[in-house]
């Protein structure tokens, strides 16, 4: 397996970028676009996922692990906010399902990446 040298090469970051773009598109539609509080909040949470992956990548393994944990928590935050957007009618069920699926996939990838980083960190201490 080739060594990843840039955060842009991480599948987790690439998928987080796609989710962020989809969140921005959804928040520009109809009544959702006028709810500045929720729009800003869900956008910031989505941006936080990809930003934390990038920021942690340039640190040590311990730091990267912590940033991946924060990114994973931001995935949960996005998912929670998506339930609000569905409940108040800002997005339909189809859009909700697509966005939730993206966020869940990213969370799974981040969980696996966190485990791999933790293992590397543990082995480096030996």
C-alpha atoms as a PDB file:
ATOM      1  CA  UNK A   1       0.000   0.000   0.000  1.00  0.00           C
ATOM      2  CA  UNK A   2       1.373   3.418  -0.953  1.00  0.00           C
ATOM      3  CA  UNK A   3       2.050   5.902   1.801  1.00  0.00           C
ATOM      4  CA  UNK A   4      -0.438   8.747   1.998  1.00  0.00           C
ATOM      5  CA  UNK A   5       1.524  11.994   1.936  1.00  0.00           C
ATOM      6  CA  UNK A   6      -1.248  14.570   1.614  1.00  0.00           C
ATOM      7  CA  UNK A   7      -4.534  14.836   3.462  1.00  0.00           C
ATOM      8  CA  UNK A   8      -6.227  15.307   0.096  1.00  0.00           C
ATOM      9  CA  UNK A   9      -5.387  11.669  -0.687  1.00  0.00           C
ATOM     10  CA  UNK A  10      -7.373  10.366   2.290  1.00  0.00           C
ATOM     11  CA  UNK A  11     -10.692   8.827   1.263  1.00  0.00           C
ATOM     12  CA  UNK A  12     -12.224  10.150   4.491  1.00  0.00           C
ATOM     13  CA  UNK A  13     -11.306  13.715   3.533  1.00  0.00           C
ATOM     14  CA  UNK A  14     -12.533  13.259  -0.048  1.00  0.00           C
ATOM     15  CA  UNK A  15     -15.887  11.926   1.157  1.00  0.00           C
ATOM     16  CA  UNK A  16     -16.153  14.717   3.747  1.00  0.00           C
ATOM     17  CA  UNK A  17     -15.586  17.226   0.956  1.00  0.00           C
ATOM     18  CA  UNK A  18     -18.431  15.670  -1.055  1.00  0.00           C
ATOM     19  CA  UNK A  19     -20.738  15.786   1.981  1.00  0.00           C
ATOM     20  CA  UNK A  20     -19.851  19.421   2.631  1.00  0.00           C
ATOM     21  CA  UNK A  21     -20.672  20.326  -0.962  1.00  0.00           C
ATOM     22  CA  UNK A  22     -24.004  18.462  -0.684  1.00  0.00           C
ATOM     23  CA  UNK A  23     -24.823  20.228   2.599  1.00  0.00           C
ATOM     24  CA  UNK A  24     -24.124  23.619   1.018  1.00  0.00           C
ATOM     25  CA  UNK A  25     -26.373  22.732  -1.918  1.00  0.00           C
ATOM     26  CA  UNK A  26     -29.202  21.614   0.389  1.00  0.00           C
ATOM     27  CA  UNK A  27     -28.941  24.727   2.552  1.00  0.00           C
ATOM     28  CA  UNK A  28     -29.334  27.009  -0.462  1.00  0.00           C
ATOM     29  CA  UNK A  29     -32.826  25.691  -1.206  1.00  0.00           C
ATOM     30  CA  UNK A  30     -36.203  27.167  -0.253  1.00  0.00           C
ATOM     31  CA  UNK A  31     -37.017  27.851   3.380  1.00  0.00           C
ATOM     32  CA  UNK A  32     -33.792  26.190   4.506  1.00  0.00           C
ATOM     33  CA  UNK A  33     -31.821  29.054   2.968  1.00  0.00           C
ATOM     34  CA  UNK A  34     -33.732  31.535   5.149  1.00  0.00           C
ATOM     35  CA  UNK A  35     -33.037  29.710   8.430  1.00  0.00           C
ATOM     36  CA  UNK A  36     -29.647  31.302   8.988  1.00  0.00           C
ATOM     37  CA  UNK A  37     -29.088  29.688  12.382  1.00  0.00           C
ATOM     38  CA  UNK A  38     -29.599  26.089  11.305  1.00  0.00           C
ATOM     39  CA  UNK A  39     -27.992  26.658   7.918  1.00  0.00           C
ATOM     40  CA  UNK A  40     -24.862  28.079   9.513  1.00  0.00           C
ATOM     41  CA  UNK A  41     -24.734  25.369  12.135  1.00  0.00           C
ATOM     42  CA  UNK A  42     -25.002  22.397   9.771  1.00  0.00           C
ATOM     43  CA  UNK A  43     -22.527  23.979   7.351  1.00  0.00           C
ATOM     44  CA  UNK A  44     -19.986  24.556  10.138  1.00  0.00           C
ATOM     45  CA  UNK A  45     -20.367  20.972  11.336  1.00  0.00           C
ATOM     46  CA  UNK A  46     -19.792  19.620   7.812  1.00  0.00           C
ATOM     47  CA  UNK A  47     -16.788  21.893   7.279  1.00  0.00           C
ATOM     48  CA  UNK A  48     -15.462  20.755  10.663  1.00  0.00           C
ATOM     49  CA  UNK A  49     -15.270  17.147   9.467  1.00  0.00           C
ATOM     50  CA  UNK A  50     -12.939  17.840   6.574  1.00  0.00           C
ATOM     51  CA  UNK A  51     -11.026  20.563   8.429  1.00  0.00           C
ATOM     52  CA  UNK A  52     -10.228  18.334  11.400  1.00  0.00           C
ATOM     53  CA  UNK A  53      -9.014  15.548   9.127  1.00  0.00           C
ATOM     54  CA  UNK A  54      -6.706  18.003   7.356  1.00  0.00           C
ATOM     55  CA  UNK A  55      -5.492  19.707  10.512  1.00  0.00           C
ATOM     56  CA  UNK A  56      -4.734  16.478  12.331  1.00  0.00           C
ATOM     57  CA  UNK A  57      -2.960  14.932   9.355  1.00  0.00           C
ATOM     58  CA  UNK A  58      -0.020  17.311   9.703  1.00  0.00           C
ATOM     59  CA  UNK A  59       0.500  16.480  13.387  1.00  0.00           C
ATOM     60  CA  UNK A  60       1.823  13.395  15.133  1.00  0.00           C
ATOM     61  CA  UNK A  61      -0.116  10.141  15.436  1.00  0.00           C
ATOM     62  CA  UNK A  62      -1.568  11.044  18.829  1.00  0.00           C
ATOM     63  CA  UNK A  63      -2.709  14.411  17.593  1.00  0.00           C
ATOM     64  CA  UNK A  64      -4.118  12.903  14.392  1.00  0.00           C
ATOM     65  CA  UNK A  65      -6.090  10.362  16.428  1.00  0.00           C
ATOM     66  CA  UNK A  66      -7.640  13.171  18.486  1.00  0.00           C
ATOM     67  CA  UNK A  67      -8.553  15.225  15.409  1.00  0.00           C
ATOM     68  CA  UNK A  68     -10.122  12.135  13.813  1.00  0.00           C
ATOM     69  CA  UNK A  69     -12.216  11.718  16.970  1.00  0.00           C
ATOM     70  CA  UNK A  70     -13.389  15.308  16.645  1.00  0.00           C
ATOM     71  CA  UNK A  71     -14.167  14.815  12.949  1.00  0.00           C
ATOM     72  CA  UNK A  72     -16.214  11.712  13.782  1.00  0.00           C
ATOM     73  CA  UNK A  73     -18.130  13.668  16.426  1.00  0.00           C
ATOM     74  CA  UNK A  74     -18.870  16.337  13.818  1.00  0.00           C
ATOM     75  CA  UNK A  75     -20.372  13.594  11.627  1.00  0.00           C
ATOM     76  CA  UNK A  76     -22.788  12.813  14.450  1.00  0.00           C
ATOM     77  CA  UNK A  77     -23.578  16.508  14.766  1.00  0.00           C
ATOM     78  CA  UNK A  78     -24.390  16.729  11.046  1.00  0.00           C
ATOM     79  CA  UNK A  79     -26.626  13.667  11.302  1.00  0.00           C
ATOM     80  CA  UNK A  80     -28.501  15.139  14.259  1.00  0.00           C
ATOM     81  CA  UNK A  81     -29.042  18.412  12.432  1.00  0.00           C
ATOM     82  CA  UNK A  82     -30.265  16.557   9.360  1.00  0.00           C
ATOM     83  CA  UNK A  83     -33.064  15.076  11.468  1.00  0.00           C
ATOM     84  CA  UNK A  84     -34.103  18.624  12.356  1.00  0.00           C
ATOM     85  CA  UNK A  85     -34.090  19.666   8.703  1.00  0.00           C
ATOM     86  CA  UNK A  86     -36.263  16.672   7.804  1.00  0.00           C
ATOM     87  CA  UNK A  87     -38.641  17.231  10.729  1.00  0.00           C
ATOM     88  CA  UNK A  88     -39.276  20.873   9.846  1.00  0.00           C
ATOM     89  CA  UNK A  89     -39.655  20.125   6.142  1.00  0.00           C
ATOM     90  CA  UNK A  90     -36.487  21.784   4.812  1.00  0.00           C
ATOM     91  CA  UNK A  91     -35.457  18.597   2.987  1.00  0.00           C
ATOM     92  CA  UNK A  92     -37.436  15.626   1.729  1.00  0.00           C
ATOM     93  CA  UNK A  93     -36.941  11.999   2.757  1.00  0.00           C
ATOM     94  CA  UNK A  94     -34.871  11.189  -0.340  1.00  0.00           C
ATOM     95  CA  UNK A  95     -32.395  14.015   0.317  1.00  0.00           C
ATOM     96  CA  UNK A  96     -32.289  13.129   4.000  1.00  0.00           C
ATOM     97  CA  UNK A  97     -31.518   9.473   3.249  1.00  0.00           C
ATOM     98  CA  UNK A  98     -28.745  10.414   0.820  1.00  0.00           C
ATOM     99  CA  UNK A  99     -27.094  12.879   3.217  1.00  0.00           C
ATOM    100  CA  UNK A 100     -27.415  10.566   6.232  1.00  0.00           C
ATOM    101  CA  UNK A 101     -25.877   7.722   4.239  1.00  0.00           C
ATOM    102  CA  UNK A 102     -22.926   9.945   3.308  1.00  0.00           C
ATOM    103  CA  UNK A 103     -22.384  11.032   6.912  1.00  0.00           C
ATOM    104  CA  UNK A 104     -22.628   7.447   8.198  1.00  0.00           C
ATOM    105  CA  UNK A 105     -20.122   6.243   5.607  1.00  0.00           C
ATOM    106  CA  UNK A 106     -17.662   8.957   6.613  1.00  0.00           C
ATOM    107  CA  UNK A 107     -18.089   8.062  10.289  1.00  0.00           C
ATOM    108  CA  UNK A 108     -17.301   4.404   9.523  1.00  0.00           C
ATOM    109  CA  UNK A 109     -14.221   5.368   7.507  1.00  0.00           C
ATOM    110  CA  UNK A 110     -13.053   7.675  10.275  1.00  0.00           C
ATOM    111  CA  UNK A 111     -13.551   4.919  12.846  1.00  0.00           C
ATOM    112  CA  UNK A 112     -11.363   2.582  10.824  1.00  0.00           C
ATOM    113  CA  UNK A 113      -8.763   5.262  10.248  1.00  0.00           C
ATOM    114  CA  UNK A 114      -8.699   6.092  13.962  1.00  0.00           C
ATOM    115  CA  UNK A 115      -8.144   2.418  14.786  1.00  0.00           C
ATOM    116  CA  UNK A 116      -5.295   2.188  12.269  1.00  0.00           C
ATOM    117  CA  UNK A 117      -3.637   5.341  13.601  1.00  0.00           C
ATOM    118  CA  UNK A 118      -4.008   4.070  17.175  1.00  0.00           C
ATOM    119  CA  UNK A 119      -2.392   0.765  16.192  1.00  0.00           C
ATOM    120  CA  UNK A 120       0.516   2.543  14.477  1.00  0.00           C
ATOM    121  CA  UNK A 121       0.964   4.763  17.502  1.00  0.00           C
ATOM    122  CA  UNK A 122       0.985   1.780  19.824  1.00  0.00           C
ATOM    123  CA  UNK A 123       3.500  -0.117  17.663  1.00  0.00           C
ATOM    124  CA  UNK A 124       5.779   2.932  17.435  1.00  0.00           C
ATOM    125  CA  UNK A 125       6.018   3.009  21.241  1.00  0.00           C
ATOM    126  CA  UNK A 126       7.463  -0.514  21.383  1.00  0.00           C
END
